[in-house]
Amino acid sequence: MAYAYLGFVIIACFMVFLVLPRRRLRAVEALQSQLREGDEIMTTGGMFGRITRLEHDTFDLEIAPNTVVHFARGAVGRKMSVENPEPGAAAADETTD
């Protein structure tokens, strides 16, 4: 019976320390490979902006008109722009009367 618990703990550790980080890494790599100039993104530090120039390892992010900062590509936290918005869907800041 004790060996069953030991086996369960070993499998759980394998999942937590090997499988899940690999899955997250693949998701980040997929996101970074899909980036294009003009995409609205949020960096891992919480800065929002639009990509103005994209290179292999770096990108330029316009955070305000005529204000561009240079980041490492790994700083992309999430893509904010919606490519195909649903017709008739109200934006989050719109109110209806």
PDB file of N, CA and C in Angstrom:
ATOM      1  N   MET A   1       0.818  -1.186   0.000  1.00  0.00           N
ATOM      2  CA  MET A   1       0.000   0.000   0.000  1.00  0.00           C
ATOM      3  C   MET A   1       0.872   1.264   0.000  1.00  0.00           C
ATOM      4  N   ALA A   2       1.975   1.212   0.748  1.00  0.00           N
ATOM      5  CA  ALA A   2       2.871   2.361   0.813  1.00  0.00           C
ATOM      6  C   ALA A   2       3.529   2.609  -0.542  1.00  0.00           C
ATOM      7  N   TYR A   3       3.770   1.569  -1.308  1.00  0.00           N
ATOM      8  CA  TYR A   3       4.371   1.729  -2.633  1.00  0.00           C
ATOM      9  C   TYR A   3       3.410   2.421  -3.597  1.00  0.00           C
ATOM     10  N   ALA A   4       2.117   2.204  -3.413  1.00  0.00           N
ATOM     11  CA  ALA A   4       1.123   2.876  -4.253  1.00  0.00           C
ATOM     12  C   ALA A   4       1.165   4.384  -4.018  1.00  0.00           C
ATOM     13  N   TYR A   5       1.259   4.799  -2.757  1.00  0.00           N
ATOM     14  CA  TYR A   5       1.360   6.225  -2.453  1.00  0.00           C
ATOM     15  C   TYR A   5       2.657   6.820  -2.994  1.00  0.00           C
ATOM     16  N   LEU A   6       3.742   6.070  -2.862  1.00  0.00           N
ATOM     17  CA  LEU A   6       5.023   6.536  -3.381  1.00  0.00           C
ATOM     18  C   LEU A   6       4.957   6.704  -4.901  1.00  0.00           C
ATOM     19  N   GLY A   7       4.322   5.753  -5.570  1.00  0.00           N
ATOM     20  CA  GLY A   7       4.155   5.843  -7.024  1.00  0.00           C
ATOM     21  C   GLY A   7       3.317   7.048  -7.415  1.00  0.00           C
ATOM     22  N   PHE A   8       2.265   7.312  -6.656  1.00  0.00           N
ATOM     23  CA  PHE A   8       1.418   8.473  -6.925  1.00  0.00           C
ATOM     24  C   PHE A   8       2.199   9.771  -6.750  1.00  0.00           C
ATOM     25  N   VAL A   9       3.006   9.866  -5.714  1.00  0.00           N
ATOM     26  CA  VAL A   9       3.805  11.059  -5.464  1.00  0.00           C
ATOM     27  C   VAL A   9       4.830  11.260  -6.581  1.00  0.00           C
ATOM     28  N   ILE A  10       5.439  10.199  -7.041  1.00  0.00           N
ATOM     29  CA  ILE A  10       6.424  10.307  -8.125  1.00  0.00           C
ATOM     30  C   ILE A  10       5.755  10.782  -9.409  1.00  0.00           C
ATOM     31  N   ILE A  11       4.601  10.251  -9.724  1.00  0.00           N
ATOM     32  CA  ILE A  11       3.876  10.666 -10.938  1.00  0.00           C
ATOM     33  C   ILE A  11       3.433  12.119 -10.815  1.00  0.00           C
ATOM     34  N   ALA A  12       2.939  12.514  -9.637  1.00  0.00           N
ATOM     35  CA  ALA A  12       2.509  13.895  -9.432  1.00  0.00           C
ATOM     36  C   ALA A  12       3.685  14.857  -9.590  1.00  0.00           C
ATOM     37  N   CYS A  13       4.828  14.513  -9.035  1.00  0.00           N
ATOM     38  CA  CYS A  13       6.017  15.360  -9.172  1.00  0.00           C
ATOM     39  C   CYS A  13       6.454  15.455 -10.634  1.00  0.00           C
ATOM     40  N   PHE A  14       6.398  14.370 -11.342  1.00  0.00           N
ATOM     41  CA  PHE A  14       6.739  14.361 -12.763  1.00  0.00           C
ATOM     42  C   PHE A  14       5.842  15.333 -13.525  1.00  0.00           C
ATOM     43  N   MET A  15       4.547  15.300 -13.238  1.00  0.00           N
ATOM     44  CA  MET A  15       3.603  16.189 -13.924  1.00  0.00           C
ATOM     45  C   MET A  15       3.882  17.656 -13.573  1.00  0.00           C
ATOM     46  N   VAL A  16       4.073  17.930 -12.304  1.00  0.00           N
ATOM     47  CA  VAL A  16       4.235  19.315 -11.860  1.00  0.00           C
ATOM     48  C   VAL A  16       5.548  19.914 -12.340  1.00  0.00           C
ATOM     49  N   PHE A  17       6.615  19.148 -12.307  1.00  0.00           N
ATOM     50  CA  PHE A  17       7.928  19.708 -12.610  1.00  0.00           C
ATOM     51  C   PHE A  17       8.397  19.529 -14.043  1.00  0.00           C
ATOM     52  N   LEU A  18       7.791  18.647 -14.809  1.00  0.00           N
ATOM     53  CA  LEU A  18       8.252  18.425 -16.177  1.00  0.00           C
ATOM     54  C   LEU A  18       7.199  18.706 -17.235  1.00  0.00           C
ATOM     55  N   VAL A  19       6.031  18.143 -17.098  1.00  0.00           N
ATOM     56  CA  VAL A  19       5.021  18.231 -18.160  1.00  0.00           C
ATOM     57  C   VAL A  19       4.396  19.629 -18.227  1.00  0.00           C
ATOM     58  N   LEU A  20       3.935  20.172 -17.112  1.00  0.00           N
ATOM     59  CA  LEU A  20       3.256  21.462 -17.130  1.00  0.00           C
ATOM     60  C   LEU A  20       4.154  22.617 -17.575  1.00  0.00           C
ATOM     61  N   PRO A  21       5.405  22.711 -17.109  1.00  0.00           N
ATOM     62  CA  PRO A  21       6.262  23.793 -17.629  1.00  0.00           C
ATOM     63  C   PRO A  21       6.523  23.686 -19.130  1.00  0.00           C
ATOM     64  N   ARG A  22       6.661  22.483 -19.645  1.00  0.00           N
ATOM     65  CA  ARG A  22       6.860  22.322 -21.093  1.00  0.00           C
ATOM     66  C   ARG A  22       5.642  22.806 -21.857  1.00  0.00           C
ATOM     67  N   ARG A  23       4.464  22.533 -21.337  1.00  0.00           N
ATOM     68  CA  ARG A  23       3.228  22.955 -21.989  1.00  0.00           C
ATOM     69  C   ARG A  23       3.143  24.486 -22.010  1.00  0.00           C
ATOM     70  N   ARG A  24       3.483  25.124 -20.901  1.00  0.00           N
ATOM     71  CA  ARG A  24       3.478  26.584 -20.838  1.00  0.00           C
ATOM     72  C   ARG A  24       4.514  27.180 -21.783  1.00  0.00           C
ATOM     73  N   LEU A  25       5.675  26.567 -21.861  1.00  0.00           N
ATOM     74  CA  LEU A  25       6.727  27.048 -22.744  1.00  0.00           C
ATOM     75  C   LEU A  25       6.294  26.974 -24.206  1.00  0.00           C
ATOM     76  N   ARG A  26       5.646  25.897 -24.584  1.00  0.00           N
ATOM     77  CA  ARG A  26       5.141  25.782 -25.963  1.00  0.00           C
ATOM     78  C   ARG A  26       4.095  26.841 -26.265  1.00  0.00           C
ATOM     79  N   ALA A  27       3.231  27.153 -25.295  1.00  0.00           N
ATOM     80  CA  ALA A  27       2.208  28.183 -25.500  1.00  0.00           C
ATOM     81  C   ALA A  27       2.853  29.558 -25.681  1.00  0.00           C
ATOM     82  N   VAL A  28       3.883  29.859 -24.909  1.00  0.00           N
ATOM     83  CA  VAL A  28       4.589  31.142 -25.034  1.00  0.00           C
ATOM     84  C   VAL A  28       5.299  31.218 -26.374  1.00  0.00           C
ATOM     85  N   GLU A  29       5.947  30.153 -26.780  1.00  0.00           N
ATOM     86  CA  GLU A  29       6.625  30.140 -28.081  1.00  0.00           C
ATOM     87  C   GLU A  29       5.633  30.317 -29.220  1.00  0.00           C
ATOM     88  N   ALA A  30       4.458  29.713 -29.120  1.00  0.00           N
ATOM     89  CA  ALA A  30       3.439  29.864 -30.158  1.00  0.00           C
ATOM     90  C   ALA A  30       2.966  31.310 -30.224  1.00  0.00           C
ATOM     91  N   LEU A  31       2.743  31.932 -29.076  1.00  0.00           N
ATOM     92  CA  LEU A  31       2.318  33.334 -29.043  1.00  0.00           C
ATOM     93  C   LEU A  31       3.369  34.224 -29.678  1.00  0.00           C
ATOM     94  N   GLN A  32       4.632  34.032 -29.321  1.00  0.00           N
ATOM     95  CA  GLN A  32       5.692  34.883 -29.843  1.00  0.00           C
ATOM     96  C   GLN A  32       5.920  34.674 -31.339  1.00  0.00           C
ATOM     97  N   SER A  33       5.654  33.495 -31.845  1.00  0.00           N
ATOM     98  CA  SER A  33       5.829  33.268 -33.280  1.00  0.00           C
ATOM     99  C   SER A  33       4.691  33.872 -34.096  1.00  0.00           C
ATOM    100  N   GLN A  34       3.562  34.148 -33.470  1.00  0.00           N
ATOM    101  CA  GLN A  34       2.411  34.718 -34.176  1.00  0.00           C
ATOM    102  C   GLN A  34       2.390  36.240 -34.159  1.00  0.00           C
ATOM    103  N   LEU A  35       3.341  36.869 -33.496  1.00  0.00           N
ATOM    104  CA  LEU A  35       3.343  38.324 -33.397  1.00  0.00           C
ATOM    105  C   LEU A  35       3.595  38.967 -34.752  1.00  0.00           C
ATOM    106  N   ARG A  36       2.910  40.073 -34.994  1.00  0.00           N
ATOM    107  CA  ARG A  36       3.062  40.844 -36.221  1.00  0.00           C
ATOM    108  C   ARG A  36       3.122  42.317 -35.847  1.00  0.00           C
ATOM    109  N   GLU A  37       3.712  43.129 -36.722  1.00  0.00           N
ATOM    110  CA  GLU A  37       3.706  44.574 -36.508  1.00  0.00           C
ATOM    111  C   GLU A  37       2.264  45.056 -36.524  1.00  0.00           C
ATOM    112  N   GLY A  38       1.939  45.943 -35.586  1.00  0.00           N
ATOM    113  CA  GLY A  38       0.581  46.463 -35.476  1.00  0.00           C
ATOM    114  C   GLY A  38      -0.250  45.757 -34.417  1.00  0.00           C
ATOM    115  N   ASP A  39       0.240  44.642 -33.883  1.00  0.00           N
ATOM    116  CA  ASP A  39      -0.499  43.921 -32.838  1.00  0.00           C
ATOM    117  C   ASP A  39      -0.484  44.718 -31.537  1.00  0.00           C
ATOM    118  N   GLU A  40      -1.614  44.717 -30.859  1.00  0.00           N
ATOM    119  CA  GLU A  40      -1.723  45.308 -29.528  1.00  0.00           C
ATOM    120  C   GLU A  40      -1.364  44.220 -28.527  1.00  0.00           C
ATOM    121  N   ILE A  41      -0.422  44.525 -27.636  1.00  0.00           N
ATOM    122  CA  ILE A  41       0.034  43.519 -26.676  1.00  0.00           C
ATOM    123  C   ILE A  41       0.136  44.110 -25.276  1.00  0.00           C
ATOM    124  N   MET A  42       0.309  43.221 -24.312  1.00  0.00           N
ATOM    125  CA  MET A  42       0.657  43.604 -22.952  1.00  0.00           C
ATOM    126  C   MET A  42       1.948  42.877 -22.617  1.00  0.00           C
ATOM    127  N   THR A  43       2.913  43.591 -22.065  1.00  0.00           N
ATOM    128  CA  THR A  43       4.174  42.962 -21.688  1.00  0.00           C
ATOM    129  C   THR A  43       4.006  42.242 -20.353  1.00  0.00           C
ATOM    130  N   THR A  44       4.989  41.453 -19.997  1.00  0.00           N
ATOM    131  CA  THR A  44       4.935  40.745 -18.718  1.00  0.00           C
ATOM    132  C   THR A  44       4.984  41.718 -17.549  1.00  0.00           C
ATOM    133  N   GLY A  45       5.458  42.922 -17.768  1.00  0.00           N
ATOM    134  CA  GLY A  45       5.477  43.946 -16.737  1.00  0.00           C
ATOM    135  C   GLY A  45       4.197  44.758 -16.666  1.00  0.00           C
ATOM    136  N   GLY A  46       3.254  44.494 -17.568  1.00  0.00           N
ATOM    137  CA  GLY A  46       1.965  45.169 -17.537  1.00  0.00           C
ATOM    138  C   GLY A  46       1.874  46.410 -18.405  1.00  0.00           C
ATOM    139  N   MET A  47       2.825  46.634 -19.300  1.00  0.00           N
ATOM    140  CA  MET A  47       2.782  47.789 -20.180  1.00  0.00           C
ATOM    141  C   MET A  47       2.028  47.433 -21.454  1.00  0.00           C
ATOM    142  N   PHE A  48       1.066  48.285 -21.826  1.00  0.00           N
ATOM    143  CA  PHE A  48       0.266  48.068 -23.016  1.00  0.00           C
ATOM    144  C   PHE A  48       0.784  48.929 -24.153  1.00  0.00           C
ATOM    145  N   GLY A  49       0.672  48.420 -25.381  1.00  0.00           N
ATOM    146  CA  GLY A  49       1.087  49.201 -26.526  1.00  0.00           C
ATOM    147  C   GLY A  49       0.920  48.434 -27.825  1.00  0.00           C
ATOM    148  N   ARG A  50       1.378  49.073 -28.910  1.00  0.00           N
ATOM    149  CA  ARG A  50       1.274  48.491 -30.250  1.00  0.00           C
ATOM    150  C   ARG A  50       2.679  48.264 -30.792  1.00  0.00           C
ATOM    151  N   ILE A  51       2.910  47.094 -31.360  1.00  0.00           N
ATOM    152  CA  ILE A  51       4.222  46.762 -31.922  1.00  0.00           C
ATOM    153  C   ILE A  51       4.430  47.568 -33.194  1.00  0.00           C
ATOM    154  N   THR A  52       5.528  48.333 -33.241  1.00  0.00           N
ATOM    155  CA  THR A  52       5.829  49.130 -34.428  1.00  0.00           C
ATOM    156  C   THR A  52       6.947  48.520 -35.258  1.00  0.00           C
ATOM    157  N   ARG A  53       7.847  47.783 -34.629  1.00  0.00           N
ATOM    158  CA  ARG A  53       8.936  47.130 -35.353  1.00  0.00           C
ATOM    159  C   ARG A  53       9.221  45.809 -34.665  1.00  0.00           C
ATOM    160  N   LEU A  54       9.359  44.770 -35.442  1.00  0.00           N
ATOM    161  CA  LEU A  54       9.561  43.427 -34.901  1.00  0.00           C
ATOM    162  C   LEU A  54      10.807  42.825 -35.518  1.00  0.00           C
ATOM    163  N   GLU A  55      11.745  42.439 -34.646  1.00  0.00           N
ATOM    164  CA  GLU A  55      12.961  41.769 -35.092  1.00  0.00           C
ATOM    165  C   GLU A  55      12.978  40.365 -34.522  1.00  0.00           C
ATOM    166  N   HIS A  56      14.073  39.652 -34.754  1.00  0.00           N
ATOM    167  CA  HIS A  56      14.155  38.257 -34.319  1.00  0.00           C
ATOM    168  C   HIS A  56      14.046  38.115 -32.806  1.00  0.00           C
ATOM    169  N   ASP A  57      14.815  38.894 -32.052  1.00  0.00           N
ATOM    170  CA  ASP A  57      14.838  38.784 -30.587  1.00  0.00           C
ATOM    171  C   ASP A  57      14.268  39.991 -29.861  1.00  0.00           C
ATOM    172  N   THR A  58      13.941  41.057 -30.577  1.00  0.00           N
ATOM    173  CA  THR A  58      13.472  42.290 -29.940  1.00  0.00           C
ATOM    174  C   THR A  58      12.292  42.864 -30.714  1.00  0.00           C
ATOM    175  N   PHE A  59      11.641  43.842 -30.086  1.00  0.00           N
ATOM    176  CA  PHE A  59      10.580  44.573 -30.769  1.00  0.00           C
ATOM    177  C   PHE A  59      10.475  45.967 -30.173  1.00  0.00           C
ATOM    178  N   ASP A  60       9.893  46.890 -30.945  1.00  0.00           N
ATOM    179  CA  ASP A  60       9.625  48.239 -30.467  1.00  0.00           C
ATOM    180  C   ASP A  60       8.142  48.342 -30.182  1.00  0.00           C
ATOM    181  N   LEU A  61       7.814  48.946 -29.045  1.00  0.00           N
ATOM    182  CA  LEU A  61       6.432  49.060 -28.595  1.00  0.00           C
ATOM    183  C   LEU A  61       6.081  50.531 -28.455  1.00  0.00           C
ATOM    184  N   GLU A  62       5.045  50.959 -29.175  1.00  0.00           N
ATOM    185  CA  GLU A  62       4.567  52.331 -29.066  1.00  0.00           C
ATOM    186  C   GLU A  62       3.558  52.373 -27.925  1.00  0.00           C
ATOM    187  N   ILE A  63       3.906  53.078 -26.845  1.00  0.00           N
ATOM    188  CA  ILE A  63       3.043  53.122 -25.667  1.00  0.00           C
ATOM    189  C   ILE A  63       2.213  54.398 -25.611  1.00  0.00           C
ATOM    190  N   ALA A  64       2.575  55.385 -26.392  1.00  0.00           N
ATOM    191  CA  ALA A  64       1.846  56.640 -26.530  1.00  0.00           C
ATOM    192  C   ALA A  64       2.268  57.233 -27.874  1.00  0.00           C
ATOM    193  N   PRO A  65       1.525  58.213 -28.398  1.00  0.00           N
ATOM    194  CA  PRO A  65       1.934  58.805 -29.674  1.00  0.00           C
ATOM    195  C   PRO A  65       3.374  59.322 -29.603  1.00  0.00           C
ATOM    196  N   ASN A  66       4.184  58.871 -30.527  1.00  0.00           N
ATOM    197  CA  ASN A  66       5.597  59.240 -30.643  1.00  0.00           C
ATOM    198  C   ASN A  66       6.439  58.822 -29.440  1.00  0.00           C
ATOM    199  N   THR A  67       5.992  57.839 -28.679  1.00  0.00           N
ATOM    200  CA  THR A  67       6.769  57.295 -27.561  1.00  0.00           C
ATOM    201  C   THR A  67       6.949  55.806 -27.792  1.00  0.00           C
ATOM    202  N   VAL A  68       8.179  55.422 -28.154  1.00  0.00           N
ATOM    203  CA  VAL A  68       8.476  54.034 -28.504  1.00  0.00           C
ATOM    204  C   VAL A  68       9.551  53.519 -27.562  1.00  0.00           C
ATOM    205  N   VAL A  69       9.326  52.331 -27.018  1.00  0.00           N
ATOM    206  CA  VAL A  69      10.314  51.692 -26.149  1.00  0.00           C
ATOM    207  C   VAL A  69      10.729  50.370 -26.777  1.00  0.00           C
ATOM    208  N   HIS A  70      11.923  49.942 -26.466  1.00  0.00           N
ATOM    209  CA  HIS A  70      12.523  48.741 -27.048  1.00  0.00           C
ATOM    210  C   HIS A  70      12.484  47.607 -26.014  1.00  0.00           C
ATOM    211  N   PHE A  71      11.983  46.436 -26.393  1.00  0.00           N
ATOM    212  CA  PHE A  71      11.844  45.300 -25.490  1.00  0.00           C
ATOM    213  C   PHE A  71      12.467  44.046 -26.093  1.00  0.00           C
ATOM    214  N   ALA A  72      12.815  43.111 -25.223  1.00  0.00           N
ATOM    215  CA  ALA A  72      13.176  41.763 -25.657  1.00  0.00           C
ATOM    216  C   ALA A  72      11.887  41.028 -26.006  1.00  0.00           C
ATOM    217  N   ARG A  73      11.949  40.166 -26.977  1.00  0.00           N
ATOM    218  CA  ARG A  73      10.745  39.467 -27.434  1.00  0.00           C
ATOM    219  C   ARG A  73      10.118  38.609 -26.339  1.00  0.00           C
ATOM    220  N   GLY A  74      10.914  38.142 -25.407  1.00  0.00           N
ATOM    221  CA  GLY A  74      10.402  37.345 -24.310  1.00  0.00           C
ATOM    222  C   GLY A  74       9.541  38.122 -23.339  1.00  0.00           C
ATOM    223  N   ALA A  75       9.478  39.443 -23.472  1.00  0.00           N
ATOM    224  CA  ALA A  75       8.683  40.274 -22.572  1.00  0.00           C
ATOM    225  C   ALA A  75       7.211  40.311 -22.943  1.00  0.00           C
ATOM    226  N   VAL A  76       6.831  39.677 -24.039  1.00  0.00           N
ATOM    227  CA  VAL A  76       5.419  39.667 -24.431  1.00  0.00           C
ATOM    228  C   VAL A  76       4.643  38.783 -23.468  1.00  0.00           C
ATOM    229  N   GLY A  77       3.651  39.381 -22.824  1.00  0.00           N
ATOM    230  CA  GLY A  77       2.831  38.627 -21.887  1.00  0.00           C
ATOM    231  C   GLY A  77       1.580  38.075 -22.530  1.00  0.00           C
ATOM    232  N   ARG A  78       0.918  38.940 -23.312  1.00  0.00           N
ATOM    233  CA  ARG A  78      -0.313  38.485 -23.956  1.00  0.00           C
ATOM    234  C   ARG A  78      -0.657  39.399 -25.109  1.00  0.00           C
ATOM    235  N   LYS A  79      -1.352  38.862 -26.086  1.00  0.00           N
ATOM    236  CA  LYS A  79      -1.800  39.602 -27.251  1.00  0.00           C
ATOM    237  C   LYS A  79      -3.185  40.140 -26.948  1.00  0.00           C
ATOM    238  N   MET A  80      -3.368  41.442 -27.118  1.00  0.00           N
ATOM    239  CA  MET A  80      -4.624  42.075 -26.733  1.00  0.00           C
ATOM    240  C   MET A  80      -5.581  42.267 -27.894  1.00  0.00           C
ATOM    241  N   SER A  81      -5.088  42.416 -29.117  1.00  0.00           N
ATOM    242  CA  SER A  81      -5.961  42.743 -30.239  1.00  0.00           C
ATOM    243  C   SER A  81      -6.840  41.562 -30.611  1.00  0.00           C
ATOM    244  N   VAL A  82      -8.080  41.873 -30.975  1.00  0.00           N
ATOM    245  CA  VAL A  82      -9.022  40.862 -31.433  1.00  0.00           C
ATOM    246  C   VAL A  82      -9.042  40.945 -32.948  1.00  0.00           C
ATOM    247  N   GLU A  83      -8.735  39.833 -33.595  1.00  0.00           N
ATOM    248  CA  GLU A  83      -8.624  39.855 -35.051  1.00  0.00           C
ATOM    249  C   GLU A  83      -9.978  39.817 -35.747  1.00  0.00           C
ATOM    250  N   ASN A  84     -10.937  39.076 -35.221  1.00  0.00           N
ATOM    251  CA  ASN A  84     -12.258  38.964 -35.829  1.00  0.00           C
ATOM    252  C   ASN A  84     -13.341  39.245 -34.792  1.00  0.00           C
ATOM    253  N   PRO A  85     -13.603  40.526 -34.489  1.00  0.00           N
ATOM    254  CA  PRO A  85     -14.634  40.805 -33.500  1.00  0.00           C
ATOM    255  C   PRO A  85     -16.006  40.416 -34.030  1.00  0.00           C
ATOM    256  N   GLU A  86     -16.893  39.998 -33.134  1.00  0.00           N
ATOM    257  CA  GLU A  86     -18.227  39.614 -33.540  1.00  0.00           C
ATOM    258  C   GLU A  86     -19.035  40.848 -33.890  1.00  0.00           C
ATOM    259  N   PRO A  87     -19.795  40.821 -35.014  1.00  0.00           N
ATOM    260  CA  PRO A  87     -20.601  41.976 -35.372  1.00  0.00           C
ATOM    261  C   PRO A  87     -21.712  42.187 -34.344  1.00  0.00           C
ATOM    262  N   GLY A  88     -21.923  43.452 -33.993  1.00  0.00           N
ATOM    263  CA  GLY A  88     -22.989  43.777 -33.044  1.00  0.00           C
ATOM    264  C   GLY A  88     -22.590  43.614 -31.587  1.00  0.00           C
ATOM    265  N   ALA A  89     -21.380  43.164 -31.328  1.00  0.00           N
ATOM    266  CA  ALA A  89     -20.936  43.000 -29.942  1.00  0.00           C
ATOM    267  C   ALA A  89     -20.477  44.350 -29.418  1.00  0.00           C
ATOM    268  N   ALA A  90     -20.966  44.727 -28.243  1.00  0.00           N
ATOM    269  CA  ALA A  90     -20.592  46.007 -27.642  1.00  0.00           C
ATOM    270  C   ALA A  90     -19.230  45.866 -26.972  1.00  0.00           C
ATOM    271  N   ALA A  91     -18.471  46.949 -27.020  1.00  0.00           N
ATOM    272  CA  ALA A  91     -17.181  46.959 -26.354  1.00  0.00           C
ATOM    273  C   ALA A  91     -17.403  46.968 -24.848  1.00  0.00           C
ATOM    274  N   ALA A  92     -16.384  46.625 -24.096  1.00  0.00           N
ATOM    275  CA  ALA A  92     -16.519  46.525 -22.649  1.00  0.00           C
ATOM    276  C   ALA A  92     -16.801  47.874 -22.000  1.00  0.00           C
ATOM    277  N   ASP A  93     -16.368  48.991 -22.623  1.00  0.00           N
ATOM    278  CA  ASP A  93     -16.581  50.285 -22.007  1.00  0.00           C
ATOM    279  C   ASP A  93     -17.815  51.003 -22.536  1.00  0.00           C
ATOM    280  N   GLU A  94     -18.567  50.390 -23.429  1.00  0.00           N
ATOM    281  CA  GLU A  94     -19.773  50.989 -23.951  1.00  0.00           C
ATOM    282  C   GLU A  94     -20.937  50.705 -23.030  1.00  0.00           C
ATOM    283  N   THR A  95     -21.813  51.682 -22.926  1.00  0.00           N
ATOM    284  CA  THR A  95     -23.031  51.475 -22.131  1.00  0.00           C
ATOM    285  C   THR A  95     -24.228  51.569 -23.053  1.00  0.00           C
ATOM    286  N   THR A  96     -25.263  50.874 -22.718  1.00  0.00           N
ATOM    287  CA  THR A  96     -26.489  50.902 -23.527  1.00  0.00           C
ATOM    288  C   THR A  96     -27.586  51.584 -22.726  1.00  0.00           C
ATOM    289  N   ASP A  97     -28.420  52.331 -23.420  1.00  0.00           N
ATOM    290  CA  ASP A  97     -29.535  53.029 -22.752  1.00  0.00           C
ATOM    291  C   ASP A  97     -30.827  52.291 -22.927  1.00  0.00           C
TER     292      ASP A  97
END
